[in-house]
N, C-alpha and C. Protein backbone atom coordinates (compact mmCIF):
# COMPACT_ATOMS: atom_id res chain seq x y z
N MET A 1 95.37 145.62 82.56
CA MET A 1 93.96 145.86 83.88
C MET A 1 94.34 145.16 85.08
N LEU A 2 93.58 145.85 85.84
CA LEU A 2 93.64 145.77 87.15
C LEU A 2 93.01 144.24 87.51
N ALA A 3 93.33 143.71 88.38
CA ALA A 3 93.28 142.45 89.36
C ALA A 3 92.00 142.69 89.54
N VAL A 4 91.25 141.47 89.49
CA VAL A 4 89.73 141.41 90.17
C VAL A 4 89.86 141.20 91.53
N LEU A 5 89.24 141.83 92.45
CA LEU A 5 89.57 141.53 93.83
C LEU A 5 87.81 141.10 94.31
N ARG A 6 87.98 140.23 94.90
CA ARG A 6 86.30 139.65 95.42
C ARG A 6 86.45 139.39 96.69
N GLN A 7 85.32 139.27 97.70
CA GLN A 7 85.35 138.87 98.89
C GLN A 7 85.06 137.17 98.72
N VAL A 8 85.58 136.47 99.60
CA VAL A 8 85.22 135.00 99.51
C VAL A 8 85.19 134.59 100.88
N GLN A 9 84.58 133.56 101.11
CA GLN A 9 84.44 132.71 102.44
C GLN A 9 85.54 133.11 103.39
N GLU A 10 86.84 132.58 102.89
CA GLU A 10 87.88 132.50 103.50
C GLU A 10 89.01 133.86 103.49
N GLY A 11 88.08 134.70 103.16
CA GLY A 11 88.87 136.24 102.94
C GLY A 11 88.44 136.74 101.74
N TYR A 12 89.49 137.08 100.90
CA TYR A 12 89.36 137.90 99.48
C TYR A 12 90.48 137.01 98.89
N ARG A 13 90.11 137.44 97.36
CA ARG A 13 91.03 136.87 96.45
C ARG A 13 91.24 137.97 95.15
N ALA A 14 92.59 137.70 94.99
CA ALA A 14 92.88 138.89 93.75
C ALA A 14 93.45 138.08 92.88
N ARG A 15 92.81 138.32 91.32
CA ARG A 15 93.06 137.46 90.28
C ARG A 15 93.61 138.55 89.46
N PHE A 16 94.70 137.91 89.00
CA PHE A 16 95.43 139.01 87.69
C PHE A 16 95.76 137.74 86.50
N GLU A 17 95.37 138.27 85.64
CA GLU A 17 95.84 137.52 84.51
C GLU A 17 96.47 138.25 83.08
N ARG A 18 97.39 137.46 82.42
CA ARG A 18 98.03 137.86 81.76
C ARG A 18 98.12 136.78 80.18
N GLN A 19 97.44 137.35 79.28
CA GLN A 19 98.13 136.59 77.85
C GLN A 19 99.26 137.17 77.39
N LEU A 20 100.22 135.81 77.45
CA LEU A 20 101.65 135.83 77.08
C LEU A 20 102.22 135.39 75.90
N ASN A 21 102.69 135.70 74.68
CA ASN A 21 102.95 135.32 73.57
C ASN A 21 104.20 134.61 73.52
N HIS A 22 104.21 133.63 74.76
CA HIS A 22 105.70 132.38 75.02
C HIS A 22 105.05 131.35 75.36
N PRO A 23 105.97 130.35 75.54
CA PRO A 23 105.46 129.26 75.92
C PRO A 23 105.69 129.07 77.27
N VAL A 24 104.64 128.07 78.03
CA VAL A 24 104.54 127.78 79.04
C VAL A 24 106.24 127.64 79.71
N ALA A 25 106.63 126.76 79.14
CA ALA A 25 108.06 126.49 79.58
C ALA A 25 109.30 127.77 79.91
N LYS A 26 108.94 128.80 79.10
CA LYS A 26 109.83 130.28 78.81
C LYS A 26 109.36 130.67 80.30
N VAL A 27 107.71 130.62 80.19
CA VAL A 27 107.14 131.73 81.80
C VAL A 27 107.76 131.07 82.82
N TRP A 28 107.36 129.72 82.94
CA TRP A 28 108.18 128.79 84.32
C TRP A 28 108.99 129.10 84.75
N THR A 29 110.31 129.17 83.79
CA THR A 29 111.39 129.42 83.83
C THR A 29 111.69 131.04 84.36
N ALA A 30 111.02 131.73 84.17
CA ALA A 30 111.15 133.15 84.67
C ALA A 30 110.58 133.49 86.23
N LEU A 31 109.34 132.49 86.33
CA LEU A 31 108.60 132.03 87.93
C LEU A 31 109.77 131.56 88.68
N THR A 32 110.57 130.76 88.18
CA THR A 32 111.02 129.71 89.05
C THR A 32 112.54 129.61 89.03
N GLU A 33 113.38 129.97 88.23
CA GLU A 33 114.88 130.06 88.04
C GLU A 33 115.56 131.06 88.73
N ASN A 34 116.26 131.00 90.04
CA ASN A 34 116.82 132.18 90.24
C ASN A 34 117.39 133.32 89.29
N GLY A 35 118.21 132.88 88.38
CA GLY A 35 118.71 134.18 87.59
C GLY A 35 117.76 134.81 86.85
N GLN A 36 116.76 134.09 86.62
CA GLN A 36 115.63 134.97 86.13
C GLN A 36 114.51 135.67 87.06
N LEU A 37 114.56 134.95 87.78
CA LEU A 37 113.58 135.38 89.22
C LEU A 37 113.99 136.64 89.58
N LYS A 38 115.27 136.82 89.96
CA LYS A 38 115.95 138.14 90.41
C LYS A 38 116.01 139.17 89.39
N LYS A 39 115.55 138.99 88.24
CA LYS A 39 115.40 140.24 87.26
C LYS A 39 113.96 140.73 87.46
N TRP A 40 113.38 140.07 88.01
CA TRP A 40 111.52 140.97 88.29
C TRP A 40 111.55 140.92 89.61
N PHE A 41 112.05 140.28 90.77
CA PHE A 41 111.87 140.17 92.06
C PHE A 41 113.04 139.76 92.54
N SER A 42 113.84 140.88 92.96
CA SER A 42 115.13 140.89 93.59
C SER A 42 115.28 140.07 94.81
N GLU A 43 114.57 140.24 95.66
CA GLU A 43 114.27 139.70 97.18
C GLU A 43 114.14 138.33 97.06
N LEU A 44 113.41 137.66 96.27
CA LEU A 44 112.95 136.20 96.31
C LEU A 44 114.24 135.32 95.66
N TYR A 45 114.29 134.14 96.52
CA TYR A 45 115.43 133.36 96.37
C TYR A 45 114.39 132.02 96.21
N VAL A 46 114.77 130.92 95.00
CA VAL A 46 114.00 129.91 95.29
C VAL A 46 115.12 128.83 96.10
N ASP A 47 114.93 128.31 97.33
CA ASP A 47 115.92 127.77 98.31
C ASP A 47 115.79 125.77 97.78
N ASP A 48 114.54 125.39 97.32
CA ASP A 48 114.21 124.19 97.48
C ASP A 48 112.90 124.11 96.46
N LEU A 49 113.00 123.91 95.17
CA LEU A 49 111.48 123.95 94.25
C LEU A 49 111.46 122.64 94.44
N ARG A 50 110.19 122.21 95.09
CA ARG A 50 109.34 121.60 95.25
C ARG A 50 108.29 121.47 96.66
N GLU A 51 106.95 120.87 96.25
CA GLU A 51 105.96 120.99 96.88
C GLU A 51 106.73 120.69 98.58
N GLY A 52 106.61 121.47 99.25
CA GLY A 52 106.95 121.35 100.96
C GLY A 52 108.38 122.19 100.76
N GLY A 53 108.64 122.48 99.91
CA GLY A 53 110.35 123.19 99.42
C GLY A 53 109.95 124.71 100.21
N VAL A 54 111.20 125.61 99.61
CA VAL A 54 111.10 126.90 100.24
C VAL A 54 111.65 127.87 99.44
N ILE A 55 110.91 129.05 99.55
CA ILE A 55 111.44 130.27 98.58
C ILE A 55 111.47 131.34 99.73
N LYS A 56 112.99 131.73 99.82
CA LYS A 56 113.10 132.65 100.66
C LYS A 56 112.88 134.38 100.06
N PHE A 57 112.68 135.26 100.93
CA PHE A 57 112.68 136.73 100.73
C PHE A 57 113.69 137.25 101.75
N ASP A 58 114.53 137.88 100.99
CA ASP A 58 115.67 138.65 101.61
C ASP A 58 115.11 140.04 102.05
N MET A 59 115.01 140.08 103.46
CA MET A 59 114.63 141.17 104.00
C MET A 59 115.48 142.35 103.89
N GLN A 60 116.47 142.31 103.20
CA GLN A 60 117.43 143.74 103.12
C GLN A 60 117.87 143.78 104.29
N ASP A 61 117.89 143.07 105.15
CA ASP A 61 118.64 143.66 106.84
C ASP A 61 119.53 142.18 107.42
N GLY A 62 120.03 141.64 106.31
CA GLY A 62 120.89 140.26 106.71
C GLY A 62 119.98 139.23 107.16
N THR A 63 118.45 139.16 107.25
CA THR A 63 117.45 138.04 107.02
C THR A 63 116.61 138.01 106.43
N PHE A 64 116.17 136.53 106.26
CA PHE A 64 115.19 136.06 105.31
C PHE A 64 114.04 135.41 106.01
N GLU A 65 112.90 135.51 105.17
CA GLU A 65 111.68 135.12 105.48
C GLU A 65 111.56 133.73 104.74
N GLU A 66 111.09 132.71 105.43
CA GLU A 66 111.00 131.54 104.69
C GLU A 66 109.36 131.47 104.16
N MET A 67 109.43 131.31 102.84
CA MET A 67 107.86 131.09 102.60
C MET A 67 107.77 129.48 101.91
N ALA A 68 106.66 128.83 102.51
CA ALA A 68 106.71 127.39 102.20
C ALA A 68 106.03 127.38 100.85
N ILE A 69 106.73 126.14 99.96
CA ILE A 69 105.97 125.95 98.94
C ILE A 69 104.84 125.09 98.96
N LEU A 70 103.48 125.24 98.96
CA LEU A 70 102.47 124.68 99.52
C LEU A 70 101.88 123.96 98.26
N ALA A 71 102.30 124.01 96.71
CA ALA A 71 101.77 123.51 95.49
C ALA A 71 102.58 123.82 94.63
N LEU A 72 103.51 122.48 94.16
CA LEU A 72 103.91 122.69 92.94
C LEU A 72 103.73 121.51 91.96
N LYS A 73 102.96 122.14 90.51
CA LYS A 73 103.23 121.25 89.51
C LYS A 73 104.12 121.58 88.53
N GLU A 74 104.72 120.87 88.17
CA GLU A 74 106.01 121.50 86.64
C GLU A 74 105.09 122.04 85.98
N GLN A 75 106.07 123.39 85.52
CA GLN A 75 105.18 124.00 84.32
C GLN A 75 103.66 124.29 84.21
N SER A 76 103.26 124.09 85.71
CA SER A 76 101.61 124.53 85.57
C SER A 76 101.07 125.38 86.75
N VAL A 77 101.61 125.05 88.07
CA VAL A 77 101.32 125.76 89.18
C VAL A 77 102.53 125.85 90.19
N LEU A 78 102.34 127.20 90.86
CA LEU A 78 103.33 127.13 91.74
C LEU A 78 102.54 128.22 92.81
N GLU A 79 102.80 127.47 93.89
CA GLU A 79 101.68 128.51 95.22
C GLU A 79 102.81 128.12 96.24
N TYR A 80 102.90 129.67 97.10
CA TYR A 80 103.36 129.55 98.20
C TYR A 80 102.89 130.57 99.40
N THR A 81 103.61 130.44 100.42
CA THR A 81 103.10 131.28 101.61
C THR A 81 103.55 132.62 101.53
N TRP A 82 102.79 133.56 101.66
CA TRP A 82 103.03 135.12 101.44
C TRP A 82 102.84 135.72 102.99
N GLY A 83 103.20 135.83 103.85
CA GLY A 83 103.09 136.66 105.31
C GLY A 83 101.95 135.42 105.62
N GLU A 84 100.86 136.02 106.01
CA GLU A 84 99.79 135.61 106.49
C GLU A 84 98.66 134.84 105.13
N ASP A 85 99.27 135.39 104.14
CA ASP A 85 98.49 135.01 102.78
C ASP A 85 99.21 133.97 102.07
N GLN A 86 98.80 133.78 100.78
CA GLN A 86 99.13 132.84 100.17
C GLN A 86 99.14 133.47 98.43
N VAL A 87 100.10 132.92 97.79
CA VAL A 87 100.16 133.44 96.35
C VAL A 87 100.25 132.47 95.26
N ARG A 88 99.20 132.15 94.34
CA ARG A 88 99.59 130.81 93.63
C ARG A 88 99.61 131.70 91.81
N PHE A 89 100.42 131.18 91.47
CA PHE A 89 100.77 131.11 89.67
C PHE A 89 100.50 129.71 89.09
N GLU A 90 99.47 130.20 88.06
CA GLU A 90 99.06 128.88 87.29
C GLU A 90 99.43 129.40 85.56
N LEU A 91 99.64 128.35 85.26
CA LEU A 91 100.13 128.63 83.80
C LEU A 91 99.46 127.60 82.62
N TYR A 92 98.61 128.47 81.75
CA TYR A 92 98.02 127.42 80.83
C TYR A 92 98.42 127.37 79.47
N SER A 93 99.08 126.26 78.56
CA SER A 93 99.31 126.33 77.63
C SER A 93 98.17 126.84 76.16
N GLU A 94 98.40 128.16 75.49
CA GLU A 94 97.18 128.52 74.46
C GLU A 94 97.60 128.55 73.07
N ALA A 95 96.71 128.77 72.15
CA ALA A 95 97.65 128.64 70.87
C ALA A 95 98.25 130.23 70.80
N GLY A 96 99.94 130.46 70.58
CA GLY A 96 100.72 131.26 70.29
C GLY A 96 101.30 131.71 71.85
N GLY A 97 101.10 130.95 72.80
CA GLY A 97 101.57 131.13 73.84
C GLY A 97 101.13 130.79 74.99
N CYS A 98 100.81 131.49 76.08
CA CYS A 98 100.23 131.06 77.28
C CYS A 98 99.85 132.10 78.13
N ARG A 99 98.74 131.42 79.22
CA ARG A 99 98.10 132.49 79.92
C ARG A 99 98.42 132.31 81.43
N LEU A 100 98.89 133.31 81.91
CA LEU A 100 99.60 133.46 83.32
C LEU A 100 98.31 134.15 84.31
N VAL A 101 98.03 133.03 85.25
CA VAL A 101 97.39 133.94 86.19
C VAL A 101 97.87 133.84 87.39
N LEU A 102 97.87 134.81 88.26
CA LEU A 102 98.47 135.03 89.60
C LEU A 102 97.21 135.64 90.81
N ILE A 103 96.97 134.50 91.36
CA ILE A 103 96.22 134.56 92.58
C ILE A 103 96.62 135.05 93.76
N GLU A 104 96.68 136.20 94.31
CA GLU A 104 96.62 136.05 95.68
C GLU A 104 95.48 135.89 96.90
N LYS A 105 95.49 135.26 97.81
CA LYS A 105 94.67 134.33 98.64
C LYS A 105 95.12 135.37 99.67
N ILE A 106 94.24 136.41 100.36
CA ILE A 106 94.16 137.53 101.39
C ILE A 106 93.08 137.34 102.43
N ARG A 107 93.78 136.81 103.39
CA ARG A 107 93.02 136.66 104.61
C ARG A 107 92.18 138.00 105.07
N VAL A 108 92.78 139.07 105.41
CA VAL A 108 92.30 140.34 105.90
C VAL A 108 92.91 141.26 104.98
N LEU A 109 91.75 142.45 104.47
CA LEU A 109 92.40 143.75 103.68
C LEU A 109 92.77 144.59 104.90
N THR A 110 94.34 144.99 104.78
CA THR A 110 95.05 146.04 105.83
C THR A 110 95.39 147.16 104.70
N ASP A 111 96.23 148.12 105.48
CA ASP A 111 96.45 149.07 104.39
C ASP A 111 97.74 148.61 103.76
N HIS A 112 98.16 147.47 103.98
CA HIS A 112 99.65 147.19 103.32
C HIS A 112 98.84 146.45 101.89
N THR A 113 97.75 145.95 101.83
CA THR A 113 97.00 144.94 100.95
C THR A 113 97.04 146.06 99.34
N PRO A 114 96.87 147.24 99.47
CA PRO A 114 96.83 147.86 97.83
C PRO A 114 98.71 147.83 97.35
N LYS A 115 99.21 147.66 98.48
CA LYS A 115 100.99 147.97 98.17
C LYS A 115 101.08 146.68 97.55
N ASP A 116 100.81 145.41 98.18
CA ASP A 116 100.95 144.21 97.68
C ASP A 116 100.35 144.24 96.16
N LEU A 117 99.29 144.21 95.87
CA LEU A 117 98.66 144.43 94.70
C LEU A 117 99.09 145.29 93.85
N ALA A 118 99.53 146.56 94.11
CA ALA A 118 99.98 147.24 93.01
C ALA A 118 101.22 146.67 92.75
N GLY A 119 102.39 145.87 93.61
CA GLY A 119 103.31 145.62 93.73
C GLY A 119 103.21 144.03 92.64
N TRP A 120 102.54 143.09 92.92
CA TRP A 120 102.06 142.36 92.11
C TRP A 120 101.70 142.61 90.44
N HIS A 121 101.18 143.48 90.42
CA HIS A 121 100.61 144.07 89.10
C HIS A 121 102.27 144.27 88.18
N VAL A 122 102.89 145.42 88.98
CA VAL A 122 104.10 145.55 88.37
C VAL A 122 105.05 144.29 88.28
N CYS A 123 105.21 143.61 89.07
CA CYS A 123 105.76 142.38 88.86
C CYS A 123 105.46 141.86 87.17
N LEU A 124 104.11 141.66 87.19
CA LEU A 124 103.59 141.18 86.17
C LEU A 124 104.01 141.88 84.63
N ASP A 125 104.05 142.80 85.00
CA ASP A 125 104.13 143.91 83.69
C ASP A 125 105.70 143.67 83.73
N VAL A 126 106.51 143.63 84.68
CA VAL A 126 107.82 143.61 84.45
C VAL A 126 108.38 142.04 83.79
N ILE A 127 107.75 141.05 84.25
CA ILE A 127 108.01 139.80 83.62
C ILE A 127 107.86 139.86 82.20
N GLU A 128 106.62 140.47 81.65
CA GLU A 128 105.96 140.35 80.39
C GLU A 128 107.27 141.13 79.65
N ALA A 129 107.51 142.33 80.12
CA ALA A 129 108.40 142.77 79.16
C ALA A 129 109.57 142.44 79.15
N LEU A 130 110.41 141.56 80.18
CA LEU A 130 111.39 140.84 80.31
C LEU A 130 111.25 139.64 79.22
N LEU A 131 110.00 139.00 79.28
CA LEU A 131 109.71 137.93 78.17
C LEU A 131 110.14 138.63 76.80
N GLU A 132 109.62 139.80 76.44
CA GLU A 132 109.74 140.57 75.12
C GLU A 132 110.96 141.24 74.91
N ASP A 133 112.21 141.18 76.00
CA ASP A 133 113.61 141.74 75.69
C ASP A 133 113.40 143.15 75.63
N LYS A 134 112.22 143.62 76.42
CA LYS A 134 112.20 145.18 76.58
C LYS A 134 112.63 145.13 78.46
N THR A 135 112.44 146.59 78.50
CA THR A 135 112.36 147.00 79.94
C THR A 135 111.20 147.69 80.35
N LEU A 136 110.94 147.71 81.50
CA LEU A 136 110.05 148.92 82.00
C LEU A 136 110.37 150.16 82.41
N GLU A 137 110.03 151.04 81.63
CA GLU A 137 111.17 152.46 81.94
C GLU A 137 111.33 152.78 83.54
N SER A 138 110.01 152.90 84.33
CA SER A 138 110.19 153.53 85.80
C SER A 138 109.28 152.62 86.65
N ARG A 139 109.70 151.25 86.93
CA ARG A 139 108.90 150.48 88.06
C ARG A 139 107.99 151.27 89.02
N LYS A 140 109.02 152.68 89.72
CA LYS A 140 107.96 153.00 90.72
C LYS A 140 107.21 154.16 90.24
N SER A 141 106.84 154.71 89.04
CA SER A 141 105.78 155.39 88.37
C SER A 141 104.66 154.74 88.24
N VAL A 142 104.73 153.50 87.92
CA VAL A 142 103.90 152.49 87.56
C VAL A 142 103.45 151.85 88.72
N TRP A 143 104.21 151.69 89.66
CA TRP A 143 103.80 151.46 91.12
C TRP A 143 102.94 152.51 91.62
N GLU A 144 103.17 153.72 91.38
CA GLU A 144 102.41 154.76 92.25
C GLU A 144 100.92 154.71 91.86
N THR A 145 101.08 154.62 90.15
CA THR A 145 99.82 154.90 89.66
C THR A 145 98.95 153.65 90.11
N ARG A 146 99.58 152.32 90.04
CA ARG A 146 98.62 151.15 90.31
C ARG A 146 98.23 151.41 91.74
N TYR A 147 99.31 151.79 92.55
CA TYR A 147 98.81 151.61 94.41
C TYR A 147 97.17 152.74 94.45
N ASN A 148 97.58 153.67 93.85
CA ASN A 148 96.49 154.63 93.66
C ASN A 148 95.34 154.15 93.57
N GLU A 149 95.12 153.01 91.93
CA GLU A 149 93.98 152.38 92.07
C GLU A 149 93.55 151.06 92.99
N TYR A 150 94.63 150.64 93.17
CA TYR A 150 94.22 149.40 94.16
C TYR A 150 93.80 149.72 95.63
N ALA A 151 94.32 151.11 96.08
CA ALA A 151 93.70 151.57 97.47
C ALA A 151 91.96 151.75 97.23
N GLN A 152 91.92 152.63 95.99
CA GLN A 152 90.51 152.78 96.05
C GLN A 152 89.75 151.35 95.72
N LEU A 153 89.93 150.40 95.25
CA LEU A 153 89.46 149.58 95.07
C LEU A 153 89.19 148.74 96.23
N VAL A 154 90.44 148.74 97.05
CA VAL A 154 90.26 147.88 98.28
C VAL A 154 89.10 148.83 99.27
N GLU A 155 89.39 150.10 98.74
CA GLU A 155 88.36 151.11 99.77
C GLU A 155 86.93 150.77 99.50
N LEU A 156 86.39 150.73 98.23
CA LEU A 156 85.13 150.25 97.99
C LEU A 156 84.70 148.87 98.07
N LEU A 157 85.78 148.08 98.27
CA LEU A 157 85.27 146.72 98.74
C LEU A 157 85.28 146.59 100.07
N GLN A 158 85.73 147.21 100.83
CA GLN A 158 85.53 147.42 102.44
C GLN A 158 84.13 148.31 102.57
N LYS A 159 83.87 148.98 102.06
CA LYS A 159 82.50 149.77 101.80
C LYS A 159 81.51 148.72 101.61
N SER A 160 81.42 148.04 100.80
CA SER A 160 80.25 147.02 100.45
C SER A 160 79.94 146.39 101.33
C-alpha cells in the first residue's frame, strides 16, 4: 500500500504503515543498530543514538551529512532531520508483532519528493523482507514502479 500523502499547515505529511510479525525489539534493532541498518540503507550510520545525537548519511564522495536526532524513545520513536524535512519512525506493540509507522514531514513538494517517497517505500519493503529472512529480488525495479506511483500522487496533490 502506498503512503498516505496529505497537506498540513506546516507543509505535507507522508505516512507509511506496516504490520510486522516481529516484536518491537527486533524491529528497533533493524532501525538503530548499524550492522542491521546497513542491510536496508547502506548510506546511513548511527553515530550517537540519543536525542540530540547524530545519524550520518554517507554522500559516497568522502563527505557525510549529519542529521540531528530530534526525538528518541527507546523501542518506540526515532525522529531525525532529513535535509530540510524530517523522518519519524514509530513502533507500536500489537498481538503477534508490531506496527511500524514512518512519517516524513515535508516542508515543500519538489521534483525530488517522489524519489524520497519511493525510496522510503522500498526501505520498508526491505526491512520487512530482512525480518522474514528473505531478500527483495530487485530493489531498483520496485523503486521504479513506486516512483511512478508517487510522482502521480504528488502531481495530484499539487493540482488540488
